[in-house]
Amino acid sequence: MSAGAIVMLIISVVIVWGGLAAAIYLLRRHPEQPETEEVPADPAG
């Protein structure tokens, strides 16, 4: 492999794994709240 290919490989790996690490970090700091569905009261009961 040429030097250019190795540099592009390293840049690609850093972008992908860096994005994954950033996503995990942000989700740990601000976890998503689960959406709750409100069930309407049963009018017949």
PDB file of N, CA and C in Angstrom:
ATOM      1  N   MET A   1       0.850  -1.179   0.000  1.00  0.00           N
ATOM      2  CA  MET A   1       0.000   0.000   0.000  1.00  0.00           C
ATOM      3  C   MET A   1       0.891   1.236   0.000  1.00  0.00           C
ATOM      4  N   SER A   2       0.399   2.250  -0.666  1.00  0.00           N
ATOM      5  CA  SER A   2       1.175   3.486  -0.738  1.00  0.00           C
ATOM      6  C   SER A   2       0.954   4.308   0.527  1.00  0.00           C
ATOM      7  N   ALA A   3       1.763   5.318   0.701  1.00  0.00           N
ATOM      8  CA  ALA A   3       1.654   6.175   1.887  1.00  0.00           C
ATOM      9  C   ALA A   3       0.326   6.924   1.891  1.00  0.00           C
ATOM     10  N   GLY A   4      -0.135   7.340   0.722  1.00  0.00           N
ATOM     11  CA  GLY A   4      -1.423   8.035   0.635  1.00  0.00           C
ATOM     12  C   GLY A   4      -2.589   7.159   1.073  1.00  0.00           C
ATOM     13  N   ALA A   5      -2.526   5.881   0.684  1.00  0.00           N
ATOM     14  CA  ALA A   5      -3.588   4.952   1.070  1.00  0.00           C
ATOM     15  C   ALA A   5      -3.593   4.721   2.575  1.00  0.00           C
ATOM     16  N   ILE A   6      -2.418   4.637   3.166  1.00  0.00           N
ATOM     17  CA  ILE A   6      -2.328   4.424   4.616  1.00  0.00           C
ATOM     18  C   ILE A   6      -2.856   5.645   5.360  1.00  0.00           C
ATOM     19  N   VAL A   7      -2.527   6.828   4.877  1.00  0.00           N
ATOM     20  CA  VAL A   7      -3.021   8.055   5.509  1.00  0.00           C
ATOM     21  C   VAL A   7      -4.541   8.118   5.416  1.00  0.00           C
ATOM     22  N   MET A   8      -5.103   7.810   4.247  1.00  0.00           N
ATOM     23  CA  MET A   8      -6.556   7.820   4.092  1.00  0.00           C
ATOM     24  C   MET A   8      -7.218   6.769   4.983  1.00  0.00           C
ATOM     25  N   LEU A   9      -6.580   5.605   5.133  1.00  0.00           N
ATOM     26  CA  LEU A   9      -7.098   4.560   6.013  1.00  0.00           C
ATOM     27  C   LEU A   9      -7.140   5.043   7.453  1.00  0.00           C
ATOM     28  N   ILE A  10      -6.069   5.667   7.895  1.00  0.00           N
ATOM     29  CA  ILE A  10      -6.011   6.168   9.270  1.00  0.00           C
ATOM     30  C   ILE A  10      -7.054   7.248   9.495  1.00  0.00           C
ATOM     31  N   ILE A  11      -7.206   8.163   8.540  1.00  0.00           N
ATOM     32  CA  ILE A  11      -8.209   9.228   8.672  1.00  0.00           C
ATOM     33  C   ILE A  11      -9.608   8.631   8.738  1.00  0.00           C
ATOM     34  N   SER A  12      -9.900   7.647   7.897  1.00  0.00           N
ATOM     35  CA  SER A  12     -11.217   7.014   7.892  1.00  0.00           C
ATOM     36  C   SER A  12     -11.506   6.304   9.212  1.00  0.00           C
ATOM     37  N   VAL A  13     -10.533   5.592   9.725  1.00  0.00           N
ATOM     38  CA  VAL A  13     -10.712   4.878  10.987  1.00  0.00           C
ATOM     39  C   VAL A  13     -10.940   5.859  12.126  1.00  0.00           C
ATOM     40  N   VAL A  14     -10.196   6.944  12.150  1.00  0.00           N
ATOM     41  CA  VAL A  14     -10.357   7.941  13.213  1.00  0.00           C
ATOM     42  C   VAL A  14     -11.741   8.580  13.131  1.00  0.00           C
ATOM     43  N   ILE A  15     -12.218   8.867  11.930  1.00  0.00           N
ATOM     44  CA  ILE A  15     -13.549   9.471  11.785  1.00  0.00           C
ATOM     45  C   ILE A  15     -14.634   8.516  12.267  1.00  0.00           C
ATOM     46  N   VAL A  16     -14.572   7.257  11.844  1.00  0.00           N
ATOM     47  CA  VAL A  16     -15.618   6.295  12.215  1.00  0.00           C
ATOM     48  C   VAL A  16     -15.602   6.017  13.713  1.00  0.00           C
ATOM     49  N   TRP A  17     -14.440   5.650  14.257  1.00  0.00           N
ATOM     50  CA  TRP A  17     -14.372   5.307  15.676  1.00  0.00           C
ATOM     51  C   TRP A  17     -14.531   6.546  16.550  1.00  0.00           C
ATOM     52  N   GLY A  18     -14.062   7.691  16.069  1.00  0.00           N
ATOM     53  CA  GLY A  18     -14.257   8.930  16.823  1.00  0.00           C
ATOM     54  C   GLY A  18     -15.725   9.307  16.909  1.00  0.00           C
ATOM     55  N   GLY A  19     -16.447   9.108  15.813  1.00  0.00           N
ATOM     56  CA  GLY A  19     -17.885   9.373  15.828  1.00  0.00           C
ATOM     57  C   GLY A  19     -18.617   8.436  16.768  1.00  0.00           C
ATOM     58  N   LEU A  20     -18.219   7.181  16.785  1.00  0.00           N
ATOM     59  CA  LEU A  20     -18.831   6.228  17.711  1.00  0.00           C
ATOM     60  C   LEU A  20     -18.555   6.618  19.152  1.00  0.00           C
ATOM     61  N   ALA A  21     -17.316   6.977  19.439  1.00  0.00           N
ATOM     62  CA  ALA A  21     -16.956   7.378  20.806  1.00  0.00           C
ATOM     63  C   ALA A  21     -17.705   8.645  21.211  1.00  0.00           C
ATOM     64  N   ALA A  22     -17.836   9.597  20.292  1.00  0.00           N
ATOM     65  CA  ALA A  22     -18.563  10.834  20.599  1.00  0.00           C
ATOM     66  C   ALA A  22     -20.040  10.546  20.855  1.00  0.00           C
ATOM     67  N   ALA A  23     -20.635   9.659  20.085  1.00  0.00           N
ATOM     68  CA  ALA A  23     -22.043   9.311  20.275  1.00  0.00           C
ATOM     69  C   ALA A  23     -22.259   8.642  21.630  1.00  0.00           C
ATOM     70  N   ILE A  24     -21.378   7.725  21.993  1.00  0.00           N
ATOM     71  CA  ILE A  24     -21.497   7.062  23.295  1.00  0.00           C
ATOM     72  C   ILE A  24     -21.325   8.067  24.420  1.00  0.00           C
ATOM     73  N   TYR A  25     -20.357   8.959  24.283  1.00  0.00           N
ATOM     74  CA  TYR A  25     -20.114   9.979  25.312  1.00  0.00           C
ATOM     75  C   TYR A  25     -21.336  10.880  25.482  1.00  0.00           C
ATOM     76  N   LEU A  26     -21.908  11.341  24.372  1.00  0.00           N
ATOM     77  CA  LEU A  26     -23.064  12.238  24.466  1.00  0.00           C
ATOM     78  C   LEU A  26     -24.292  11.526  25.022  1.00  0.00           C
ATOM     79  N   LEU A  27     -24.490  10.251  24.647  1.00  0.00           N
ATOM     80  CA  LEU A  27     -25.639   9.521  25.178  1.00  0.00           C
ATOM     81  C   LEU A  27     -25.481   9.226  26.664  1.00  0.00           C
ATOM     82  N   ARG A  28     -24.261   9.061  27.122  1.00  0.00           N
ATOM     83  CA  ARG A  28     -24.051   8.847  28.555  1.00  0.00           C
ATOM     84  C   ARG A  28     -24.287  10.129  29.340  1.00  0.00           C
ATOM     85  N   ARG A  29     -23.947  11.277  28.750  1.00  0.00           N
ATOM     86  CA  ARG A  29     -24.163  12.561  29.427  1.00  0.00           C
ATOM     87  C   ARG A  29     -25.632  12.956  29.433  1.00  0.00           C
ATOM     88  N   HIS A  30     -26.320  12.719  28.313  1.00  0.00           N
ATOM     89  CA  HIS A  30     -27.725  13.103  28.166  1.00  0.00           C
ATOM     90  C   HIS A  30     -28.500  11.922  27.592  1.00  0.00           C
ATOM     91  N   PRO A  31     -28.867  10.957  28.429  1.00  0.00           N
ATOM     92  CA  PRO A  31     -29.580   9.783  27.899  1.00  0.00           C
ATOM     93  C   PRO A  31     -30.956  10.170  27.371  1.00  0.00           C
ATOM     94  N   GLU A  32     -31.378   9.473  26.336  1.00  0.00           N
ATOM     95  CA  GLU A  32     -32.691   9.725  25.767  1.00  0.00           C
ATOM     96  C   GLU A  32     -33.756   9.174  26.705  1.00  0.00           C
ATOM     97  N   GLN A  33     -34.804   9.957  26.907  1.00  0.00           N
ATOM     98  CA  GLN A  33     -35.905   9.505  27.740  1.00  0.00           C
ATOM     99  C   GLN A  33     -36.824   8.643  26.877  1.00  0.00           C
ATOM    100  N   PRO A  34     -37.236   7.493  27.385  1.00  0.00           N
ATOM    101  CA  PRO A  34     -38.140   6.656  26.585  1.00  0.00           C
ATOM    102  C   PRO A  34     -39.491   7.338  26.428  1.00  0.00           C
ATOM    103  N   GLU A  35     -40.037   7.235  25.231  1.00  0.00           N
ATOM    104  CA  GLU A  35     -41.347   7.825  24.990  1.00  0.00           C
ATOM    105  C   GLU A  35     -42.414   6.902  25.559  1.00  0.00           C
ATOM    106  N   THR A  36     -43.310   7.473  26.335  1.00  0.00           N
ATOM    107  CA  THR A  36     -44.396   6.675  26.905  1.00  0.00           C
ATOM    108  C   THR A  36     -45.674   7.003  26.162  1.00  0.00           C
ATOM    109  N   GLU A  37     -46.396   5.968  25.826  1.00  0.00           N
ATOM    110  CA  GLU A  37     -47.674   6.162  25.150  1.00  0.00           C
ATOM    111  C   GLU A  37     -48.754   6.258  26.213  1.00  0.00           C
ATOM    112  N   GLU A  38     -49.533   7.327  26.114  1.00  0.00           N
ATOM    113  CA  GLU A  38     -50.624   7.477  27.069  1.00  0.00           C
ATOM    114  C   GLU A  38     -51.815   6.688  26.563  1.00  0.00           C
ATOM    115  N   VAL A  39     -52.268   5.768  27.388  1.00  0.00           N
ATOM    116  CA  VAL A  39     -53.414   4.946  27.033  1.00  0.00           C
ATOM    117  C   VAL A  39     -54.658   5.642  27.570  1.00  0.00           C
ATOM    118  N   PRO A  40     -55.625   5.927  26.696  1.00  0.00           N
ATOM    119  CA  PRO A  40     -56.834   6.600  27.178  1.00  0.00           C
ATOM    120  C   PRO A  40     -57.625   5.704  28.133  1.00  0.00           C
ATOM    121  N   ALA A  41     -58.285   6.342  29.071  1.00  0.00           N
ATOM    122  CA  ALA A  41     -59.087   5.588  30.039  1.00  0.00           C
ATOM    123  C   ALA A  41     -60.235   4.895  29.316  1.00  0.00           C
ATOM    124  N   ASP A  42     -60.584   3.716  29.808  1.00  0.00           N
ATOM    125  CA  ASP A  42     -61.659   2.937  29.206  1.00  0.00           C
ATOM    126  C   ASP A  42     -63.003   3.543  29.603  1.00  0.00           C
ATOM    127  N   PRO A  43     -63.736   4.139  28.645  1.00  0.00           N
ATOM    128  CA  PRO A  43     -65.013   4.789  29.014  1.00  0.00           C
ATOM    129  C   PRO A  43     -66.103   3.785  29.398  1.00  0.00           C
ATOM    130  N   ALA A  44     -65.966   2.528  28.992  1.00  0.00           N
ATOM    131  CA  ALA A  44     -67.000   1.532  29.298  1.00  0.00           C
ATOM    132  C   ALA A  44     -66.800   0.935  30.676  1.00  0.00           C
ATOM    133  N   GLY A  45     -65.657   1.156  31.261  1.00  0.00           N
ATOM    134  CA  GLY A  45     -65.363   0.428  32.471  1.00  0.00           C
ATOM    135  C   GLY A  45     -65.363   1.251  33.653  1.00  0.00           C
TER     136      GLY A  45
END
